[in-house]
Amino acid sequence: MNLERISLTIPSDLLKELDEFLEKSKYASRSEAIRDALRSFLIEQKLRKELEGEIVGVLAFLYDHEVKGISDELTDIQHESKSSIASSLHLHIDERNCLEVLLVCGKVKDINKLASRIESMRGVKQLKLIPFMR
């Protein structure tokens, strides 16, 4: 395997979490764990892009509601995408963080567009699309 060295900048709390995980895991190094995480991310992105037709699914995302304007922007996006969203659930996790779960249905391209818009927003920490074929 041909390996390349890169530099990576991450928040200190995320690095601490990674190191705590590594102490209890099978991974020999940070690099090995990050390679596996990157592979999983790339596979998930590839699957999202290769799906075709109609799907139903779950779009879940974690965000910091203290980021200026994020709540209004998320509401606007959901109203604009109402034909793709069957239902939504909102959970207040702590003082800053919320989990939003959307049940989605429709054309793959519309669902992916919705996911990409939300995922790219400042304040969105994590997003997961779980598609089910119709």
Foldseek 3Di string as FASTA:
>chain_A
DDDDDDDDDDDPVVVVVLVVVVVPDPDPDSVVVVVVVVVVVVVQVVVLVPDWDKWKWKKKWKFFPPPPPLVVVLVVLCVVLVVFFPDKDWDDPDPTMIMIMTTTIDTSVSVVVSNVVNVPDPGTDDMDIDIDHD
